[in-house]
Amino acid sequence: MDWKEVKHFVSLGQAFVPINLENRGDSVKLFFRDGTTACLDMQANLFLKRLLTFFGTSAAINRHRYGELVGKKQLVPIALSYGFTLIPFNVREPIGRQSRIGWFVSREIERFQKKSPHVTIVQLSSHNIPVFHN
């Protein structure tokens, strides 16, 4: 497995979200501190799994460990190292069994701006990403 994308995200990444790419289907879009983005031909869940493997953990372990702390079973933040915590948000309406969850590096979030009763904009230094909530 090539860890280049994971290492690049760990050093400069701000968020990654699932997207639908024409002629490729369910993919992942990475957002970086320098204002650039990159699309990878893999699902967001697979990128998350590779990122967690890079840190020697898994989603199930983190959900069990931190889920009780925050009182949740779903959308549980994932602490990977000091200052590197991933926060989940719903970022799209899925088609079929696609993931709707995007992951944001907590230290990269600058502010939230309410757009409508069900949509909030997560503002990063170089990107604004809409998220959905009830």
N, C-alpha and C. Protein backbone atom coordinates (compact mmCIF):
# COMPACT_ATOMS: atom_id res chain seq x y z
N MET A 1 0.84 -1.19 0.00
CA MET A 1 0.00 0.00 0.00
C MET A 1 0.88 1.25 0.00
N ASP A 2 0.50 2.22 -0.81
CA ASP A 2 1.22 3.48 -0.89
C ASP A 2 0.65 4.44 0.16
N TRP A 3 1.49 4.88 1.08
CA TRP A 3 1.05 5.73 2.19
C TRP A 3 1.22 7.21 1.89
N LYS A 4 1.61 7.55 0.65
CA LYS A 4 1.90 8.93 0.29
C LYS A 4 0.73 9.87 0.58
N GLU A 5 -0.49 9.50 0.16
CA GLU A 5 -1.65 10.35 0.37
C GLU A 5 -1.96 10.52 1.86
N VAL A 6 -1.83 9.45 2.62
CA VAL A 6 -2.10 9.51 4.06
C VAL A 6 -1.10 10.42 4.75
N LYS A 7 0.18 10.27 4.44
CA LYS A 7 1.21 11.10 5.05
C LYS A 7 1.02 12.57 4.69
N HIS A 8 0.66 12.84 3.44
CA HIS A 8 0.41 14.21 3.00
C HIS A 8 -0.77 14.81 3.77
N PHE A 9 -1.83 14.01 3.96
CA PHE A 9 -2.99 14.49 4.70
C PHE A 9 -2.63 14.75 6.16
N VAL A 10 -1.86 13.88 6.78
CA VAL A 10 -1.48 14.07 8.18
C VAL A 10 -0.70 15.36 8.36
N SER A 11 0.14 15.70 7.40
CA SER A 11 0.96 16.91 7.56
C SER A 11 0.23 18.19 7.16
N LEU A 12 -0.64 18.16 6.15
CA LEU A 12 -1.26 19.39 5.65
C LEU A 12 -2.78 19.35 5.53
N GLY A 13 -3.41 18.23 5.86
CA GLY A 13 -4.84 18.07 5.64
C GLY A 13 -5.71 18.81 6.64
N GLN A 14 -6.88 19.24 6.15
CA GLN A 14 -7.86 19.91 7.00
C GLN A 14 -9.15 19.11 7.11
N ALA A 15 -9.53 18.43 6.03
CA ALA A 15 -10.77 17.65 6.03
C ALA A 15 -10.77 16.71 4.83
N PHE A 16 -11.60 15.66 4.92
CA PHE A 16 -11.87 14.85 3.74
C PHE A 16 -13.34 14.46 3.76
N VAL A 17 -13.94 14.48 2.57
CA VAL A 17 -15.38 14.24 2.44
C VAL A 17 -15.65 13.30 1.28
N PRO A 18 -16.74 12.53 1.36
CA PRO A 18 -17.13 11.67 0.24
C PRO A 18 -17.78 12.52 -0.86
N ILE A 19 -17.48 12.19 -2.10
CA ILE A 19 -18.09 12.88 -3.25
C ILE A 19 -18.38 11.85 -4.34
N ASN A 20 -19.23 12.23 -5.27
CA ASN A 20 -19.49 11.42 -6.46
C ASN A 20 -18.76 12.05 -7.63
N LEU A 21 -17.83 11.31 -8.22
CA LEU A 21 -17.11 11.79 -9.39
C LEU A 21 -17.68 11.13 -10.64
N GLU A 22 -17.83 11.93 -11.69
CA GLU A 22 -18.36 11.42 -12.94
C GLU A 22 -17.43 10.33 -13.49
N ASN A 23 -17.99 9.25 -13.91
CA ASN A 23 -17.29 8.09 -14.47
C ASN A 23 -16.42 7.35 -13.45
N ARG A 24 -16.47 7.72 -12.17
CA ARG A 24 -15.70 7.03 -11.15
C ARG A 24 -16.57 6.62 -9.97
N GLY A 25 -17.63 7.36 -9.72
CA GLY A 25 -18.53 7.01 -8.62
C GLY A 25 -18.07 7.57 -7.29
N ASP A 26 -18.32 6.82 -6.24
CA ASP A 26 -18.05 7.24 -4.87
C ASP A 26 -16.55 7.37 -4.65
N SER A 27 -16.10 8.59 -4.34
CA SER A 27 -14.67 8.88 -4.15
C SER A 27 -14.50 9.74 -2.91
N VAL A 28 -13.27 10.18 -2.67
CA VAL A 28 -13.00 11.04 -1.52
C VAL A 28 -12.27 12.30 -1.99
N LYS A 29 -12.65 13.44 -1.41
CA LYS A 29 -12.01 14.72 -1.72
C LYS A 29 -11.27 15.19 -0.47
N LEU A 30 -9.98 15.47 -0.62
CA LEU A 30 -9.14 15.93 0.47
C LEU A 30 -8.96 17.44 0.37
N PHE A 31 -9.03 18.13 1.50
CA PHE A 31 -8.84 19.58 1.56
C PHE A 31 -7.56 19.86 2.33
N PHE A 32 -6.69 20.73 1.77
CA PHE A 32 -5.40 21.01 2.38
C PHE A 32 -5.27 22.46 2.80
N ARG A 33 -4.39 22.69 3.75
CA ARG A 33 -4.15 24.00 4.35
C ARG A 33 -3.75 25.07 3.33
N ASP A 34 -3.05 24.67 2.28
CA ASP A 34 -2.59 25.65 1.28
C ASP A 34 -3.68 26.04 0.28
N GLY A 35 -4.92 25.57 0.49
CA GLY A 35 -6.03 25.93 -0.38
C GLY A 35 -6.30 24.94 -1.50
N THR A 36 -5.44 23.94 -1.64
CA THR A 36 -5.63 22.95 -2.69
C THR A 36 -6.55 21.83 -2.23
N THR A 37 -7.02 21.07 -3.20
CA THR A 37 -7.81 19.87 -2.93
C THR A 37 -7.27 18.75 -3.80
N ALA A 38 -7.61 17.54 -3.44
CA ALA A 38 -7.24 16.37 -4.25
C ALA A 38 -8.36 15.36 -4.15
N CYS A 39 -8.66 14.71 -5.27
CA CYS A 39 -9.66 13.65 -5.29
C CYS A 39 -8.95 12.32 -5.49
N LEU A 40 -9.29 11.36 -4.65
CA LEU A 40 -8.70 10.03 -4.75
C LEU A 40 -9.76 9.04 -5.20
N ASP A 41 -9.35 8.08 -5.97
CA ASP A 41 -10.26 7.06 -6.48
C ASP A 41 -10.44 5.95 -5.45
N MET A 42 -10.96 6.33 -4.29
CA MET A 42 -11.30 5.39 -3.23
C MET A 42 -12.41 6.01 -2.40
N GLN A 43 -13.17 5.20 -1.71
CA GLN A 43 -14.24 5.72 -0.88
C GLN A 43 -13.67 6.38 0.36
N ALA A 44 -14.42 7.34 0.92
CA ALA A 44 -13.98 8.05 2.12
C ALA A 44 -13.75 7.09 3.28
N ASN A 45 -14.58 6.05 3.39
CA ASN A 45 -14.41 5.08 4.48
C ASN A 45 -13.08 4.34 4.37
N LEU A 46 -12.65 4.03 3.15
CA LEU A 46 -11.36 3.36 2.97
C LEU A 46 -10.22 4.30 3.32
N PHE A 47 -10.33 5.58 2.94
CA PHE A 47 -9.29 6.53 3.31
C PHE A 47 -9.21 6.67 4.83
N LEU A 48 -10.38 6.73 5.49
CA LEU A 48 -10.40 6.79 6.96
C LEU A 48 -9.73 5.55 7.55
N LYS A 49 -10.04 4.39 7.02
CA LYS A 49 -9.44 3.15 7.53
C LYS A 49 -7.92 3.18 7.37
N ARG A 50 -7.43 3.66 6.22
CA ARG A 50 -5.98 3.75 6.01
C ARG A 50 -5.33 4.76 6.96
N LEU A 51 -6.03 5.87 7.19
CA LEU A 51 -5.52 6.88 8.11
C LEU A 51 -5.43 6.30 9.53
N LEU A 52 -6.46 5.58 9.95
CA LEU A 52 -6.46 4.97 11.28
C LEU A 52 -5.39 3.89 11.39
N THR A 53 -5.20 3.12 10.34
CA THR A 53 -4.15 2.09 10.33
C THR A 53 -2.78 2.75 10.46
N PHE A 54 -2.58 3.87 9.80
CA PHE A 54 -1.32 4.62 9.88
C PHE A 54 -1.01 4.98 11.34
N PHE A 55 -2.06 5.30 12.12
CA PHE A 55 -1.88 5.64 13.53
C PHE A 55 -1.99 4.43 14.45
N GLY A 56 -2.17 3.24 13.89
CA GLY A 56 -2.21 2.01 14.68
C GLY A 56 -3.49 1.82 15.46
N THR A 57 -4.62 2.25 14.91
CA THR A 57 -5.89 2.10 15.60
C THR A 57 -6.97 1.75 14.59
N SER A 58 -8.22 1.67 15.05
CA SER A 58 -9.36 1.38 14.18
C SER A 58 -10.57 2.17 14.64
N ALA A 59 -11.56 2.26 13.77
CA ALA A 59 -12.78 2.99 14.11
C ALA A 59 -13.51 2.32 15.27
N ALA A 60 -13.55 0.99 15.27
CA ALA A 60 -14.25 0.26 16.34
C ALA A 60 -13.62 0.52 17.70
N ILE A 61 -12.31 0.51 17.76
CA ILE A 61 -11.60 0.76 19.03
C ILE A 61 -11.90 2.17 19.52
N ASN A 62 -11.82 3.15 18.63
CA ASN A 62 -12.08 4.54 19.01
C ASN A 62 -13.54 4.75 19.40
N ARG A 63 -14.46 4.12 18.68
CA ARG A 63 -15.88 4.27 19.00
C ARG A 63 -16.15 3.74 20.41
N HIS A 64 -15.54 2.61 20.73
CA HIS A 64 -15.71 2.03 22.07
C HIS A 64 -15.05 2.90 23.14
N ARG A 65 -13.83 3.33 22.87
CA ARG A 65 -13.03 4.09 23.83
C ARG A 65 -13.63 5.47 24.13
N TYR A 66 -14.00 6.20 23.08
CA TYR A 66 -14.44 7.58 23.25
C TYR A 66 -15.96 7.75 23.19
N GLY A 67 -16.65 6.76 22.67
CA GLY A 67 -18.11 6.84 22.59
C GLY A 67 -18.76 7.01 23.94
N GLU A 68 -18.26 6.27 24.93
CA GLU A 68 -18.79 6.40 26.29
C GLU A 68 -18.51 7.78 26.86
N LEU A 69 -17.34 8.32 26.57
CA LEU A 69 -16.98 9.65 27.07
C LEU A 69 -17.91 10.74 26.57
N VAL A 70 -18.27 10.67 25.29
CA VAL A 70 -19.13 11.70 24.70
C VAL A 70 -20.60 11.30 24.69
N GLY A 71 -20.90 10.09 25.17
CA GLY A 71 -22.28 9.64 25.25
C GLY A 71 -22.93 9.37 23.91
N LYS A 72 -22.14 8.90 22.93
CA LYS A 72 -22.67 8.63 21.60
C LYS A 72 -22.16 7.29 21.09
N LYS A 73 -22.94 6.71 20.17
CA LYS A 73 -22.51 5.48 19.51
C LYS A 73 -22.16 5.74 18.05
N GLN A 74 -22.73 6.79 17.48
CA GLN A 74 -22.45 7.16 16.09
C GLN A 74 -21.85 8.56 16.08
N LEU A 75 -21.14 8.89 15.00
CA LEU A 75 -20.50 10.20 14.84
C LEU A 75 -19.61 10.55 16.04
N VAL A 76 -18.81 9.58 16.45
CA VAL A 76 -17.89 9.76 17.57
C VAL A 76 -16.57 10.33 17.05
N PRO A 77 -16.06 11.42 17.64
CA PRO A 77 -14.76 11.95 17.23
C PRO A 77 -13.66 10.89 17.42
N ILE A 78 -12.62 10.99 16.61
CA ILE A 78 -11.51 10.04 16.67
C ILE A 78 -10.23 10.80 17.02
N ALA A 79 -9.70 10.54 18.21
CA ALA A 79 -8.44 11.15 18.64
C ALA A 79 -7.29 10.26 18.16
N LEU A 80 -6.44 10.81 17.29
CA LEU A 80 -5.35 10.03 16.73
C LEU A 80 -4.01 10.32 17.40
N SER A 81 -3.81 11.55 17.79
CA SER A 81 -2.61 11.94 18.52
C SER A 81 -2.89 13.29 19.18
N TYR A 82 -1.94 13.77 19.96
CA TYR A 82 -2.13 15.06 20.61
C TYR A 82 -2.35 16.14 19.55
N GLY A 83 -3.48 16.81 19.61
CA GLY A 83 -3.79 17.87 18.67
C GLY A 83 -4.29 17.41 17.32
N PHE A 84 -4.49 16.12 17.13
CA PHE A 84 -4.98 15.61 15.85
C PHE A 84 -6.19 14.74 16.10
N THR A 85 -7.35 15.40 16.15
CA THR A 85 -8.62 14.72 16.38
C THR A 85 -9.52 14.95 15.17
N LEU A 86 -10.13 13.89 14.69
CA LEU A 86 -11.06 13.98 13.57
C LEU A 86 -12.48 14.10 14.09
N ILE A 87 -13.22 15.10 13.58
CA ILE A 87 -14.60 15.34 13.98
C ILE A 87 -15.50 14.99 12.79
N PRO A 88 -16.50 14.11 12.99
CA PRO A 88 -17.38 13.74 11.88
C PRO A 88 -18.58 14.67 11.74
N PHE A 89 -18.95 14.95 10.49
CA PHE A 89 -20.15 15.72 10.17
C PHE A 89 -20.82 15.08 8.95
N ASN A 90 -22.14 15.17 8.89
CA ASN A 90 -22.86 14.74 7.69
C ASN A 90 -22.65 15.80 6.62
N VAL A 91 -22.13 15.38 5.45
CA VAL A 91 -21.79 16.35 4.41
C VAL A 91 -22.59 16.18 3.12
N ARG A 92 -23.40 15.13 3.04
CA ARG A 92 -24.19 14.92 1.81
C ARG A 92 -25.33 13.96 2.08
N GLU A 93 -26.26 13.95 1.15
CA GLU A 93 -27.31 12.94 1.15
C GLU A 93 -26.77 11.76 0.34
N PRO A 94 -26.68 10.59 0.94
CA PRO A 94 -26.10 9.46 0.21
C PRO A 94 -27.04 8.88 -0.83
N ILE A 95 -26.45 8.23 -1.81
CA ILE A 95 -27.20 7.47 -2.79
C ILE A 95 -27.00 6.00 -2.41
N GLY A 96 -28.08 5.35 -2.06
CA GLY A 96 -27.96 3.94 -1.65
C GLY A 96 -27.20 3.81 -0.34
N ARG A 97 -26.16 2.98 -0.37
CA ARG A 97 -25.39 2.69 0.85
C ARG A 97 -24.12 3.53 0.99
N GLN A 98 -24.05 4.62 0.26
CA GLN A 98 -22.86 5.48 0.33
C GLN A 98 -22.76 6.15 1.71
N SER A 99 -21.54 6.48 2.07
CA SER A 99 -21.31 7.21 3.32
C SER A 99 -21.73 8.67 3.14
N ARG A 100 -22.24 9.25 4.21
CA ARG A 100 -22.59 10.67 4.20
C ARG A 100 -21.64 11.47 5.09
N ILE A 101 -20.69 10.79 5.72
CA ILE A 101 -19.85 11.42 6.75
C ILE A 101 -18.53 11.93 6.18
N GLY A 102 -18.26 13.21 6.45
CA GLY A 102 -16.97 13.81 6.17
C GLY A 102 -16.24 14.00 7.49
N TRP A 103 -14.92 14.04 7.44
CA TRP A 103 -14.10 14.13 8.66
C TRP A 103 -13.25 15.38 8.61
N PHE A 104 -13.25 16.13 9.71
CA PHE A 104 -12.55 17.41 9.81
C PHE A 104 -11.52 17.34 10.93
N VAL A 105 -10.32 17.85 10.67
CA VAL A 105 -9.29 17.93 11.71
C VAL A 105 -9.69 19.08 12.64
N SER A 106 -9.91 18.77 13.91
CA SER A 106 -10.49 19.75 14.84
C SER A 106 -9.69 21.04 14.93
N ARG A 107 -8.37 20.96 14.96
CA ARG A 107 -7.55 22.17 15.11
C ARG A 107 -7.60 23.07 13.88
N GLU A 108 -8.11 22.56 12.77
CA GLU A 108 -8.20 23.33 11.52
C GLU A 108 -9.51 24.11 11.39
N ILE A 109 -10.49 23.81 12.24
CA ILE A 109 -11.78 24.49 12.16
C ILE A 109 -11.64 25.87 12.79
N GLU A 110 -11.93 26.90 12.00
CA GLU A 110 -11.82 28.27 12.49
C GLU A 110 -13.13 28.79 13.06
N ARG A 111 -14.24 28.48 12.38
CA ARG A 111 -15.55 28.93 12.89
C ARG A 111 -16.65 28.19 12.16
N PHE A 112 -17.86 28.36 12.70
CA PHE A 112 -19.07 27.81 12.10
C PHE A 112 -19.98 28.97 11.73
N GLN A 113 -20.64 28.86 10.59
CA GLN A 113 -21.57 29.90 10.17
C GLN A 113 -22.88 29.23 9.77
N LYS A 114 -23.96 29.57 10.47
CA LYS A 114 -25.26 28.98 10.16
C LYS A 114 -25.77 29.53 8.84
N LYS A 115 -26.11 28.63 7.92
CA LYS A 115 -26.61 29.03 6.61
C LYS A 115 -28.13 28.91 6.55
N SER A 116 -28.66 27.87 7.17
CA SER A 116 -30.10 27.64 7.22
C SER A 116 -30.38 26.78 8.46
N PRO A 117 -31.63 26.49 8.76
CA PRO A 117 -31.92 25.67 9.95
C PRO A 117 -31.27 24.28 9.92
N HIS A 118 -30.95 23.78 8.71
CA HIS A 118 -30.39 22.43 8.63
C HIS A 118 -28.99 22.39 8.02
N VAL A 119 -28.40 23.54 7.71
CA VAL A 119 -27.07 23.57 7.08
C VAL A 119 -26.20 24.60 7.80
N THR A 120 -24.98 24.18 8.13
CA THR A 120 -23.98 25.06 8.73
C THR A 120 -22.72 24.98 7.87
N ILE A 121 -22.04 26.09 7.71
CA ILE A 121 -20.78 26.11 6.96
C ILE A 121 -19.63 25.97 7.97
N VAL A 122 -18.79 24.96 7.76
CA VAL A 122 -17.57 24.81 8.55
C VAL A 122 -16.50 25.58 7.82
N GLN A 123 -15.96 26.60 8.49
CA GLN A 123 -14.94 27.44 7.86
C GLN A 123 -13.55 26.99 8.32
N LEU A 124 -12.76 26.62 7.33
CA LEU A 124 -11.35 26.28 7.55
C LEU A 124 -10.55 27.47 7.02
N SER A 125 -9.25 27.46 7.15
CA SER A 125 -8.47 28.62 6.72
C SER A 125 -8.65 28.92 5.23
N SER A 126 -8.77 27.91 4.41
CA SER A 126 -8.86 28.13 2.97
C SER A 126 -10.09 27.51 2.31
N HIS A 127 -10.97 26.92 3.09
CA HIS A 127 -12.12 26.22 2.53
C HIS A 127 -13.35 26.47 3.39
N ASN A 128 -14.52 26.48 2.75
CA ASN A 128 -15.80 26.52 3.44
C ASN A 128 -16.60 25.31 2.99
N ILE A 129 -16.97 24.46 3.93
CA ILE A 129 -17.63 23.20 3.59
C ILE A 129 -18.98 23.13 4.29
N PRO A 130 -20.09 22.98 3.54
CA PRO A 130 -21.40 22.87 4.19
C PRO A 130 -21.59 21.50 4.84
N VAL A 131 -22.19 21.49 6.02
CA VAL A 131 -22.52 20.25 6.72
C VAL A 131 -24.01 20.30 7.07
N PHE A 132 -24.62 19.12 7.19
CA PHE A 132 -26.04 19.00 7.45
C PHE A 132 -26.28 18.51 8.87
N HIS A 133 -27.37 18.97 9.47
CA HIS A 133 -27.73 18.52 10.81
C HIS A 133 -29.24 18.62 10.98
N ASN A 134 -29.74 17.98 12.04
CA ASN A 134 -31.18 17.99 12.32
C ASN A 134 -31.53 19.13 13.23
